[in-house]
Amino acid sequence: MRIMGVVKRSVSLDAEVAAAAEAAAAEDGVSFSAWLSDAAERRLRVREGLRGVAEWEAEAGALSAEERAAGEALLDRLLVRSRPPSGRSRGRGRGGD
């Protein structure tokens, strides 16, 4: 189990994005804050991965179309496995927001 501190922030969201995120959080059985935190964490991992690919390509040359397709297929498989079943929490807080 991961223990982490919490920082409270006030954020502004597009109304449609906020409504969709609220619905997704309810569907996933987590709080709005937990859902946003998970979304931000995923976005940060994607950025880190893209930076890693760029660094690798700078040293080894650009990936071929076949290598990119294989990487995208692997990523799709990994992302499907990492999603919690609908209505189940990934162990994050369930507090109301």
PDB file of N, CA and C in Angstrom:
ATOM      1  N   MET A   1       0.842  -1.167   0.000  1.00  0.00           N
ATOM      2  CA  MET A   1       0.000   0.000   0.000  1.00  0.00           C
ATOM      3  C   MET A   1       0.893   1.238   0.000  1.00  0.00           C
ATOM      4  N   ARG A   2       0.510   2.219  -0.795  1.00  0.00           N
ATOM      5  CA  ARG A   2       1.255   3.458  -0.943  1.00  0.00           C
ATOM      6  C   ARG A   2       0.703   4.503   0.026  1.00  0.00           C
ATOM      7  N   ILE A   3       1.576   5.084   0.836  1.00  0.00           N
ATOM      8  CA  ILE A   3       1.157   6.133   1.754  1.00  0.00           C
ATOM      9  C   ILE A   3       1.696   7.450   1.214  1.00  0.00           C
ATOM     10  N   MET A   4       0.792   8.410   1.068  1.00  0.00           N
ATOM     11  CA  MET A   4       1.220   9.692   0.538  1.00  0.00           C
ATOM     12  C   MET A   4       0.485  10.816   1.242  1.00  0.00           C
ATOM     13  N   GLY A   5       1.093  11.989   1.192  1.00  0.00           N
ATOM     14  CA  GLY A   5       0.448  13.171   1.735  1.00  0.00           C
ATOM     15  C   GLY A   5      -0.558  13.706   0.736  1.00  0.00           C
ATOM     16  N   VAL A   6      -1.424  14.549   1.214  1.00  0.00           N
ATOM     17  CA  VAL A   6      -2.449  15.146   0.371  1.00  0.00           C
ATOM     18  C   VAL A   6      -2.286  16.657   0.427  1.00  0.00           C
ATOM     19  N   VAL A   7      -2.370  17.283  -0.731  1.00  0.00           N
ATOM     20  CA  VAL A   7      -2.329  18.735  -0.833  1.00  0.00           C
ATOM     21  C   VAL A   7      -3.663  19.187  -1.395  1.00  0.00           C
ATOM     22  N   LYS A   8      -4.327  20.062  -0.682  1.00  0.00           N
ATOM     23  CA  LYS A   8      -5.623  20.558  -1.128  1.00  0.00           C
ATOM     24  C   LYS A   8      -5.405  21.713  -2.087  1.00  0.00           C
ATOM     25  N   ARG A   9      -6.085  21.663  -3.257  1.00  0.00           N
ATOM     26  CA  ARG A   9      -5.969  22.703  -4.275  1.00  0.00           C
ATOM     27  C   ARG A   9      -7.355  23.101  -4.746  1.00  0.00           C
ATOM     28  N   SER A  10      -7.482  24.337  -5.154  1.00  0.00           N
ATOM     29  CA  SER A  10      -8.706  24.804  -5.789  1.00  0.00           C
ATOM     30  C   SER A  10      -8.390  24.926  -7.274  1.00  0.00           C
ATOM     31  N   VAL A  11      -9.175  24.254  -8.114  1.00  0.00           N
ATOM     32  CA  VAL A  11      -8.916  24.279  -9.550  1.00  0.00           C
ATOM     33  C   VAL A  11     -10.175  24.693 -10.300  1.00  0.00           C
ATOM     34  N   SER A  12      -9.979  25.213 -11.499  1.00  0.00           N
ATOM     35  CA  SER A  12     -11.098  25.556 -12.375  1.00  0.00           C
ATOM     36  C   SER A  12     -11.075  24.593 -13.551  1.00  0.00           C
ATOM     37  N   LEU A  13     -12.236  24.043 -13.866  1.00  0.00           N
ATOM     38  CA  LEU A  13     -12.366  23.097 -14.971  1.00  0.00           C
ATOM     39  C   LEU A  13     -13.449  23.569 -15.920  1.00  0.00           C
ATOM     40  N   ASP A  14     -13.294  23.241 -17.177  1.00  0.00           N
ATOM     41  CA  ASP A  14     -14.359  23.449 -18.141  1.00  0.00           C
ATOM     42  C   ASP A  14     -15.596  22.706 -17.619  1.00  0.00           C
ATOM     43  N   ALA A  15     -16.770  23.290 -17.742  1.00  0.00           N
ATOM     44  CA  ALA A  15     -17.986  22.697 -17.184  1.00  0.00           C
ATOM     45  C   ALA A  15     -18.240  21.289 -17.715  1.00  0.00           C
ATOM     46  N   GLU A  16     -18.038  21.076 -19.014  1.00  0.00           N
ATOM     47  CA  GLU A  16     -18.267  19.740 -19.589  1.00  0.00           C
ATOM     48  C   GLU A  16     -17.252  18.736 -19.080  1.00  0.00           C
ATOM     49  N   VAL A  17     -16.004  19.162 -18.932  1.00  0.00           N
ATOM     50  CA  VAL A  17     -14.960  18.276 -18.406  1.00  0.00           C
ATOM     51  C   VAL A  17     -15.279  17.914 -16.958  1.00  0.00           C
ATOM     52  N   ALA A  18     -15.679  18.905 -16.170  1.00  0.00           N
ATOM     53  CA  ALA A  18     -16.009  18.648 -14.760  1.00  0.00           C
ATOM     54  C   ALA A  18     -17.168  17.666 -14.645  1.00  0.00           C
ATOM     55  N   ALA A  19     -18.200  17.850 -15.461  1.00  0.00           N
ATOM     56  CA  ALA A  19     -19.351  16.941 -15.406  1.00  0.00           C
ATOM     57  C   ALA A  19     -18.955  15.524 -15.812  1.00  0.00           C
ATOM     58  N   ALA A  20     -18.144  15.405 -16.861  1.00  0.00           N
ATOM     59  CA  ALA A  20     -17.713  14.076 -17.305  1.00  0.00           C
ATOM     60  C   ALA A  20     -16.820  13.407 -16.264  1.00  0.00           C
ATOM     61  N   ALA A  21     -15.926  14.192 -15.632  1.00  0.00           N
ATOM     62  CA  ALA A  21     -15.055  13.638 -14.599  1.00  0.00           C
ATOM     63  C   ALA A  21     -15.863  13.217 -13.374  1.00  0.00           C
ATOM     64  N   GLU A  22     -16.838  14.013 -13.009  1.00  0.00           N
ATOM     65  CA  GLU A  22     -17.710  13.672 -11.865  1.00  0.00           C
ATOM     66  C   GLU A  22     -18.450  12.361 -12.137  1.00  0.00           C
ATOM     67  N   ALA A  23     -18.978  12.215 -13.352  1.00  0.00           N
ATOM     68  CA  ALA A  23     -19.694  10.983 -13.719  1.00  0.00           C
ATOM     69  C   ALA A  23     -18.744   9.793 -13.727  1.00  0.00           C
ATOM     70  N   ALA A  24     -17.540   9.990 -14.249  1.00  0.00           N
ATOM     71  CA  ALA A  24     -16.556   8.897 -14.289  1.00  0.00           C
ATOM     72  C   ALA A  24     -16.143   8.483 -12.877  1.00  0.00           C
ATOM     73  N   ALA A  25     -15.960   9.455 -11.993  1.00  0.00           N
ATOM     74  CA  ALA A  25     -15.598   9.149 -10.609  1.00  0.00           C
ATOM     75  C   ALA A  25     -16.696   8.329  -9.946  1.00  0.00           C
ATOM     76  N   ALA A  26     -17.941   8.740 -10.156  1.00  0.00           N
ATOM     77  CA  ALA A  26     -19.069   7.998  -9.571  1.00  0.00           C
ATOM     78  C   ALA A  26     -19.109   6.583 -10.128  1.00  0.00           C
ATOM     79  N   GLU A  27     -18.905   6.449 -11.432  1.00  0.00           N
ATOM     80  CA  GLU A  27     -18.919   5.127 -12.062  1.00  0.00           C
ATOM     81  C   GLU A  27     -17.798   4.239 -11.522  1.00  0.00           C
ATOM     82  N   ASP A  28     -16.640   4.852 -11.256  1.00  0.00           N
ATOM     83  CA  ASP A  28     -15.492   4.098 -10.741  1.00  0.00           C
ATOM     84  C   ASP A  28     -15.558   3.890  -9.231  1.00  0.00           C
ATOM     85  N   GLY A  29     -16.512   4.531  -8.570  1.00  0.00           N
ATOM     86  CA  GLY A  29     -16.661   4.346  -7.127  1.00  0.00           C
ATOM     87  C   GLY A  29     -15.604   5.066  -6.309  1.00  0.00           C
ATOM     88  N   VAL A  30     -15.100   6.175  -6.825  1.00  0.00           N
ATOM     89  CA  VAL A  30     -14.093   6.950  -6.095  1.00  0.00           C
ATOM     90  C   VAL A  30     -14.552   8.401  -6.007  1.00  0.00           C
ATOM     91  N   SER A  31     -13.906   9.159  -5.142  1.00  0.00           N
ATOM     92  CA  SER A  31     -14.235  10.573  -5.026  1.00  0.00           C
ATOM     93  C   SER A  31     -13.757  11.325  -6.259  1.00  0.00           C
ATOM     94  N   PHE A  32     -14.324  12.498  -6.463  1.00  0.00           N
ATOM     95  CA  PHE A  32     -13.913  13.379  -7.559  1.00  0.00           C
ATOM     96  C   PHE A  32     -12.417  13.681  -7.439  1.00  0.00           C
ATOM     97  N   SER A  33     -11.957  13.984  -6.224  1.00  0.00           N
ATOM     98  CA  SER A  33     -10.539  14.286  -6.004  1.00  0.00           C
ATOM     99  C   SER A  33      -9.649  13.095  -6.341  1.00  0.00           C
ATOM    100  N   ALA A  34     -10.049  11.899  -5.922  1.00  0.00           N
ATOM    101  CA  ALA A  34      -9.260  10.704  -6.217  1.00  0.00           C
ATOM    102  C   ALA A  34      -9.202  10.466  -7.722  1.00  0.00           C
ATOM    103  N   TRP A  35     -10.318  10.686  -8.408  1.00  0.00           N
ATOM    104  CA  TRP A  35     -10.358  10.478  -9.856  1.00  0.00           C
ATOM    105  C   TRP A  35      -9.433  11.471 -10.554  1.00  0.00           C
ATOM    106  N   LEU A  36      -9.498  12.753 -10.142  1.00  0.00           N
ATOM    107  CA  LEU A  36      -8.616  13.762 -10.747  1.00  0.00           C
ATOM    108  C   LEU A  36      -7.152  13.471 -10.450  1.00  0.00           C
ATOM    109  N   SER A  37      -6.867  13.028  -9.239  1.00  0.00           N
ATOM    110  CA  SER A  37      -5.493  12.688  -8.885  1.00  0.00           C
ATOM    111  C   SER A  37      -4.972  11.555  -9.765  1.00  0.00           C
ATOM    112  N   ASP A  38      -5.808  10.532  -9.963  1.00  0.00           N
ATOM    113  CA  ASP A  38      -5.421   9.409 -10.817  1.00  0.00           C
ATOM    114  C   ASP A  38      -5.194   9.881 -12.258  1.00  0.00           C
ATOM    115  N   ALA A  39      -6.072  10.756 -12.757  1.00  0.00           N
ATOM    116  CA  ALA A  39      -5.931  11.277 -14.123  1.00  0.00           C
ATOM    117  C   ALA A  39      -4.633  12.074 -14.263  1.00  0.00           C
ATOM    118  N   ALA A  40      -4.313  12.886 -13.273  1.00  0.00           N
ATOM    119  CA  ALA A  40      -3.078  13.665 -13.315  1.00  0.00           C
ATOM    120  C   ALA A  40      -1.861  12.750 -13.256  1.00  0.00           C
ATOM    121  N   GLU A  41      -1.936  11.715 -12.413  1.00  0.00           N
ATOM    122  CA  GLU A  41      -0.830  10.762 -12.295  1.00  0.00           C
ATOM    123  C   GLU A  41      -0.587  10.045 -13.624  1.00  0.00           C
ATOM    124  N   ARG A  42      -1.662   9.634 -14.286  1.00  0.00           N
ATOM    125  CA  ARG A  42      -1.529   8.983 -15.601  1.00  0.00           C
ATOM    126  C   ARG A  42      -0.907   9.936 -16.617  1.00  0.00           C
ATOM    127  N   ARG A  43      -1.348  11.176 -16.622  1.00  0.00           N
ATOM    128  CA  ARG A  43      -0.814  12.164 -17.562  1.00  0.00           C
ATOM    129  C   ARG A  43       0.679  12.370 -17.331  1.00  0.00           C
ATOM    130  N   LEU A  44       1.088  12.412 -16.070  1.00  0.00           N
ATOM    131  CA  LEU A  44       2.503  12.569 -15.746  1.00  0.00           C
ATOM    132  C   LEU A  44       3.324  11.364 -16.206  1.00  0.00           C
ATOM    133  N   ARG A  45       2.772  10.150 -16.059  1.00  0.00           N
ATOM    134  CA  ARG A  45       3.481   8.949 -16.533  1.00  0.00           C
ATOM    135  C   ARG A  45       3.624   8.971 -18.052  1.00  0.00           C
ATOM    136  N   VAL A  46       2.596   9.437 -18.749  1.00  0.00           N
ATOM    137  CA  VAL A  46       2.669   9.540 -20.212  1.00  0.00           C
ATOM    138  C   VAL A  46       3.769  10.524 -20.600  1.00  0.00           C
ATOM    139  N   ARG A  47       3.802  11.671 -19.956  1.00  0.00           N
ATOM    140  CA  ARG A  47       4.847  12.667 -20.246  1.00  0.00           C
ATOM    141  C   ARG A  47       6.234  12.086 -20.021  1.00  0.00           C
ATOM    142  N   GLU A  48       6.389  11.369 -18.899  1.00  0.00           N
ATOM    143  CA  GLU A  48       7.679  10.753 -18.583  1.00  0.00           C
ATOM    144  C   GLU A  48       8.066   9.739 -19.660  1.00  0.00           C
ATOM    145  N   GLY A  49       7.102   8.957 -20.093  1.00  0.00           N
ATOM    146  CA  GLY A  49       7.362   7.973 -21.144  1.00  0.00           C
ATOM    147  C   GLY A  49       7.742   8.618 -22.459  1.00  0.00           C
ATOM    148  N   LEU A  50       7.039   9.674 -22.829  1.00  0.00           N
ATOM    149  CA  LEU A  50       7.358  10.378 -24.077  1.00  0.00           C
ATOM    150  C   LEU A  50       8.748  10.997 -24.025  1.00  0.00           C
ATOM    151  N   ARG A  51       9.107  11.526 -22.871  1.00  0.00           N
ATOM    152  CA  ARG A  51      10.463  12.069 -22.713  1.00  0.00           C
ATOM    153  C   ARG A  51      11.511  10.964 -22.829  1.00  0.00           C
ATOM    154  N   GLY A  52      11.210   9.805 -22.255  1.00  0.00           N
ATOM    155  CA  GLY A  52      12.131   8.679 -22.355  1.00  0.00           C
ATOM    156  C   GLY A  52      12.326   8.231 -23.799  1.00  0.00           C
ATOM    157  N   VAL A  53      11.242   8.177 -24.555  1.00  0.00           N
ATOM    158  CA  VAL A  53      11.331   7.805 -25.970  1.00  0.00           C
ATOM    159  C   VAL A  53      12.161   8.839 -26.723  1.00  0.00           C
ATOM    160  N   ALA A  54      11.910  10.119 -26.468  1.00  0.00           N
ATOM    161  CA  ALA A  54      12.665  11.180 -27.147  1.00  0.00           C
ATOM    162  C   ALA A  54      14.157  11.079 -26.832  1.00  0.00           C
ATOM    163  N   GLU A  55      14.496  10.798 -25.573  1.00  0.00           N
ATOM    164  CA  GLU A  55      15.901  10.634 -25.197  1.00  0.00           C
ATOM    165  C   GLU A  55      16.510   9.429 -25.912  1.00  0.00           C
ATOM    166  N   TRP A  56      15.768   8.333 -25.940  1.00  0.00           N
ATOM    167  CA  TRP A  56      16.273   7.127 -26.598  1.00  0.00           C
ATOM    168  C   TRP A  56      16.479   7.386 -28.088  1.00  0.00           C
ATOM    169  N   GLU A  57      15.498   8.043 -28.722  1.00  0.00           N
ATOM    170  CA  GLU A  57      15.615   8.340 -30.150  1.00  0.00           C
ATOM    171  C   GLU A  57      16.777   9.288 -30.427  1.00  0.00           C
ATOM    172  N   ALA A  58      17.060  10.206 -29.511  1.00  0.00           N
ATOM    173  CA  ALA A  58      18.183  11.123 -29.697  1.00  0.00           C
ATOM    174  C   ALA A  58      19.508  10.363 -29.725  1.00  0.00           C
ATOM    175  N   GLU A  59      19.583   9.276 -28.974  1.00  0.00           N
ATOM    176  CA  GLU A  59      20.805   8.473 -28.926  1.00  0.00           C
ATOM    177  C   GLU A  59      20.847   7.388 -29.989  1.00  0.00           C
ATOM    178  N   ALA A  60      19.708   6.744 -30.252  1.00  0.00           N
ATOM    179  CA  ALA A  60      19.701   5.549 -31.097  1.00  0.00           C
ATOM    180  C   ALA A  60      19.055   5.761 -32.457  1.00  0.00           C
ATOM    181  N   GLY A  61      18.468   6.911 -32.680  1.00  0.00           N
ATOM    182  CA  GLY A  61      17.767   7.149 -33.937  1.00  0.00           C
ATOM    183  C   GLY A  61      16.276   6.924 -33.769  1.00  0.00           C
ATOM    184  N   ALA A  62      15.533   7.475 -34.711  1.00  0.00           N
ATOM    185  CA  ALA A  62      14.069   7.408 -34.640  1.00  0.00           C
ATOM    186  C   ALA A  62      13.562   5.974 -34.728  1.00  0.00           C
ATOM    187  N   LEU A  63      12.480   5.718 -34.005  1.00  0.00           N
ATOM    188  CA  LEU A  63      11.828   4.416 -34.083  1.00  0.00           C
ATOM    189  C   LEU A  63      11.185   4.252 -35.455  1.00  0.00           C
ATOM    190  N   SER A  64      11.182   3.041 -35.951  1.00  0.00           N
ATOM    191  CA  SER A  64      10.514   2.759 -37.225  1.00  0.00           C
ATOM    192  C   SER A  64       9.006   2.704 -36.997  1.00  0.00           C
ATOM    193  N   ALA A  65       8.256   2.725 -38.082  1.00  0.00           N
ATOM    194  CA  ALA A  65       6.794   2.619 -37.983  1.00  0.00           C
ATOM    195  C   ALA A  65       6.403   1.318 -37.299  1.00  0.00           C
ATOM    196  N   GLU A  66       7.118   0.240 -37.603  1.00  0.00           N
ATOM    197  CA  GLU A  66       6.822  -1.062 -36.989  1.00  0.00           C
ATOM    198  C   GLU A  66       7.109  -1.040 -35.487  1.00  0.00           C
ATOM    199  N   GLU A  67       8.213  -0.411 -35.088  1.00  0.00           N
ATOM    200  CA  GLU A  67       8.552  -0.328 -33.666  1.00  0.00           C
ATOM    201  C   GLU A  67       7.518   0.515 -32.913  1.00  0.00           C
ATOM    202  N   ARG A  68       7.096   1.608 -33.526  1.00  0.00           N
ATOM    203  CA  ARG A  68       6.070   2.449 -32.895  1.00  0.00           C
ATOM    204  C   ARG A  68       4.755   1.682 -32.746  1.00  0.00           C
ATOM    205  N   ALA A  69       4.361   0.958 -33.789  1.00  0.00           N
ATOM    206  CA  ALA A  69       3.112   0.188 -33.741  1.00  0.00           C
ATOM    207  C   ALA A  69       3.185  -0.870 -32.640  1.00  0.00           C
ATOM    208  N   ALA A  70       4.324  -1.543 -32.525  1.00  0.00           N
ATOM    209  CA  ALA A  70       4.488  -2.564 -31.486  1.00  0.00           C
ATOM    210  C   ALA A  70       4.416  -1.926 -30.100  1.00  0.00           C
ATOM    211  N   GLY A  71       5.034  -0.766 -29.934  1.00  0.00           N
ATOM    212  CA  GLY A  71       4.990  -0.057 -28.655  1.00  0.00           C
ATOM    213  C   GLY A  71       3.589   0.396 -28.303  1.00  0.00           C
ATOM    214  N   GLU A  72       2.859   0.899 -29.293  1.00  0.00           N
ATOM    215  CA  GLU A  72       1.485   1.336 -29.045  1.00  0.00           C
ATOM    216  C   GLU A  72       0.584   0.156 -28.689  1.00  0.00           C
ATOM    217  N   ALA A  73       0.787  -0.993 -29.351  1.00  0.00           N
ATOM    218  CA  ALA A  73      -0.007  -2.185 -29.035  1.00  0.00           C
ATOM    219  C   ALA A  73       0.276  -2.645 -27.598  1.00  0.00           C
ATOM    220  N   LEU A  74       1.547  -2.618 -27.203  1.00  0.00           N
ATOM    221  CA  LEU A  74       1.915  -2.996 -25.833  1.00  0.00           C
ATOM    222  C   LEU A  74       1.295  -2.027 -24.832  1.00  0.00           C
ATOM    223  N   LEU A  75       1.374  -0.742 -25.128  1.00  0.00           N
ATOM    224  CA  LEU A  75       0.786   0.254 -24.236  1.00  0.00           C
ATOM    225  C   LEU A  75      -0.718   0.045 -24.094  1.00  0.00           C
ATOM    226  N   ASP A  76      -1.397  -0.222 -25.201  1.00  0.00           N
ATOM    227  CA  ASP A  76      -2.840  -0.485 -25.136  1.00  0.00           C
ATOM    228  C   ASP A  76      -3.135  -1.662 -24.215  1.00  0.00           C
ATOM    229  N   ARG A  77      -2.363  -2.747 -24.343  1.00  0.00           N
ATOM    230  CA  ARG A  77      -2.574  -3.928 -23.486  1.00  0.00           C
ATOM    231  C   ARG A  77      -2.321  -3.580 -22.019  1.00  0.00           C
ATOM    232  N   LEU A  78      -1.270  -2.832 -21.749  1.00  0.00           N
ATOM    233  CA  LEU A  78      -0.949  -2.472 -20.369  1.00  0.00           C
ATOM    234  C   LEU A  78      -1.998  -1.558 -19.763  1.00  0.00           C
ATOM    235  N   LEU A  79      -2.499  -0.609 -20.546  1.00  0.00           N
ATOM    236  CA  LEU A  79      -3.513   0.306 -20.032  1.00  0.00           C
ATOM    237  C   LEU A  79      -4.814  -0.408 -19.737  1.00  0.00           C
ATOM    238  N   VAL A  80      -5.189  -1.365 -20.550  1.00  0.00           N
ATOM    239  CA  VAL A  80      -6.413  -2.130 -20.302  1.00  0.00           C
ATOM    240  C   VAL A  80      -6.274  -2.908 -18.998  1.00  0.00           C
ATOM    241  N   ARG A  81      -5.119  -3.486 -18.746  1.00  0.00           N
ATOM    242  CA  ARG A  81      -4.894  -4.253 -17.508  1.00  0.00           C
ATOM    243  C   ARG A  81      -4.877  -3.369 -16.277  1.00  0.00           C
ATOM    244  N   SER A  82      -4.471  -2.093 -16.432  1.00  0.00           N
ATOM    245  CA  SER A  82      -4.341  -1.235 -15.257  1.00  0.00           C
ATOM    246  C   SER A  82      -5.658  -0.586 -14.851  1.00  0.00           C
ATOM    247  N   ARG A  83      -6.693  -0.669 -15.683  1.00  0.00           N
ATOM    248  CA  ARG A  83      -7.982  -0.050 -15.344  1.00  0.00           C
ATOM    249  C   ARG A  83      -8.733  -0.925 -14.350  1.00  0.00           C
ATOM    250  N   PRO A  84      -9.281  -0.294 -13.307  1.00  0.00           N
ATOM    251  CA  PRO A  84     -10.071  -1.089 -12.354  1.00  0.00           C
ATOM    252  C   PRO A  84     -11.401  -1.468 -12.995  1.00  0.00           C
ATOM    253  N   PRO A  85     -11.968  -2.596 -12.582  1.00  0.00           N
ATOM    254  CA  PRO A  85     -13.302  -2.946 -13.077  1.00  0.00           C
ATOM    255  C   PRO A  85     -14.282  -1.841 -12.733  1.00  0.00           C
ATOM    256  N   SER A  86     -15.270  -1.630 -13.538  1.00  0.00           N
ATOM    257  CA  SER A  86     -16.260  -0.571 -13.320  1.00  0.00           C
ATOM    258  C   SER A  86     -16.855  -0.695 -11.933  1.00  0.00           C
ATOM    259  N   GLY A  87     -16.918   0.462 -11.243  1.00  0.00           N
ATOM    260  CA  GLY A  87     -17.533   0.470  -9.918  1.00  0.00           C
ATOM    261  C   GLY A  87     -16.603   0.061  -8.798  1.00  0.00           C
ATOM    262  N   ARG A  88     -15.309  -0.158  -9.099  1.00  0.00           N
ATOM    263  CA  ARG A  88     -14.376  -0.571  -8.047  1.00  0.00           C
ATOM    264  C   ARG A  88     -13.252   0.434  -7.925  1.00  0.00           C
ATOM    265  N   SER A  89     -12.838   0.698  -6.730  1.00  0.00           N
ATOM    266  CA  SER A  89     -11.769   1.631  -6.443  1.00  0.00           C
ATOM    267  C   SER A  89     -10.416   0.963  -6.631  1.00  0.00           C
ATOM    268  N   ARG A  90      -9.393   1.756  -6.920  1.00  0.00           N
ATOM    269  CA  ARG A  90      -8.030   1.259  -6.980  1.00  0.00           C
ATOM    270  C   ARG A  90      -7.333   1.477  -5.645  1.00  0.00           C
ATOM    271  N   GLY A  91      -8.126   1.566  -4.578  1.00  0.00           N
ATOM    272  CA  GLY A  91      -7.536   1.701  -3.253  1.00  0.00           C
ATOM    273  C   GLY A  91      -7.347   3.146  -2.824  1.00  0.00           C
ATOM    274  N   ARG A  92      -7.863   4.073  -3.578  1.00  0.00           N
ATOM    275  CA  ARG A  92      -7.741   5.480  -3.232  1.00  0.00           C
ATOM    276  C   ARG A  92      -8.924   5.886  -2.368  1.00  0.00           C
ATOM    277  N   GLY A  93      -8.830   7.082  -1.828  1.00  0.00           N
ATOM    278  CA  GLY A  93      -9.870   7.596  -0.937  1.00  0.00           C
ATOM    279  C   GLY A  93     -11.245   7.614  -1.560  1.00  0.00           C
ATOM    280  N   ARG A  94     -12.249   7.427  -0.709  1.00  0.00           N
ATOM    281  CA  ARG A  94     -13.636   7.431  -1.180  1.00  0.00           C
ATOM    282  C   ARG A  94     -14.399   8.614  -0.603  1.00  0.00           C
ATOM    283  N   GLY A  95     -13.685   9.583  -0.077  1.00  0.00           N
ATOM    284  CA  GLY A  95     -14.363  10.717   0.538  1.00  0.00           C
ATOM    285  C   GLY A  95     -15.178  11.500  -0.475  1.00  0.00           C
ATOM    286  N   GLY A  96     -16.244  12.114  -0.037  1.00  0.00           N
ATOM    287  CA  GLY A  96     -17.082  12.907  -0.932  1.00  0.00           C
ATOM    288  C   GLY A  96     -16.470  14.261  -1.207  1.00  0.00           C
ATOM    289  N   ASP A  97     -16.705  14.788  -2.391  1.00  0.00           N
ATOM    290  CA  ASP A  97     -16.193  16.119  -2.754  1.00  0.00           C
ATOM    291  C   ASP A  97     -17.319  16.996  -3.181  1.00  0.00           C
TER     292      ASP A  97
END
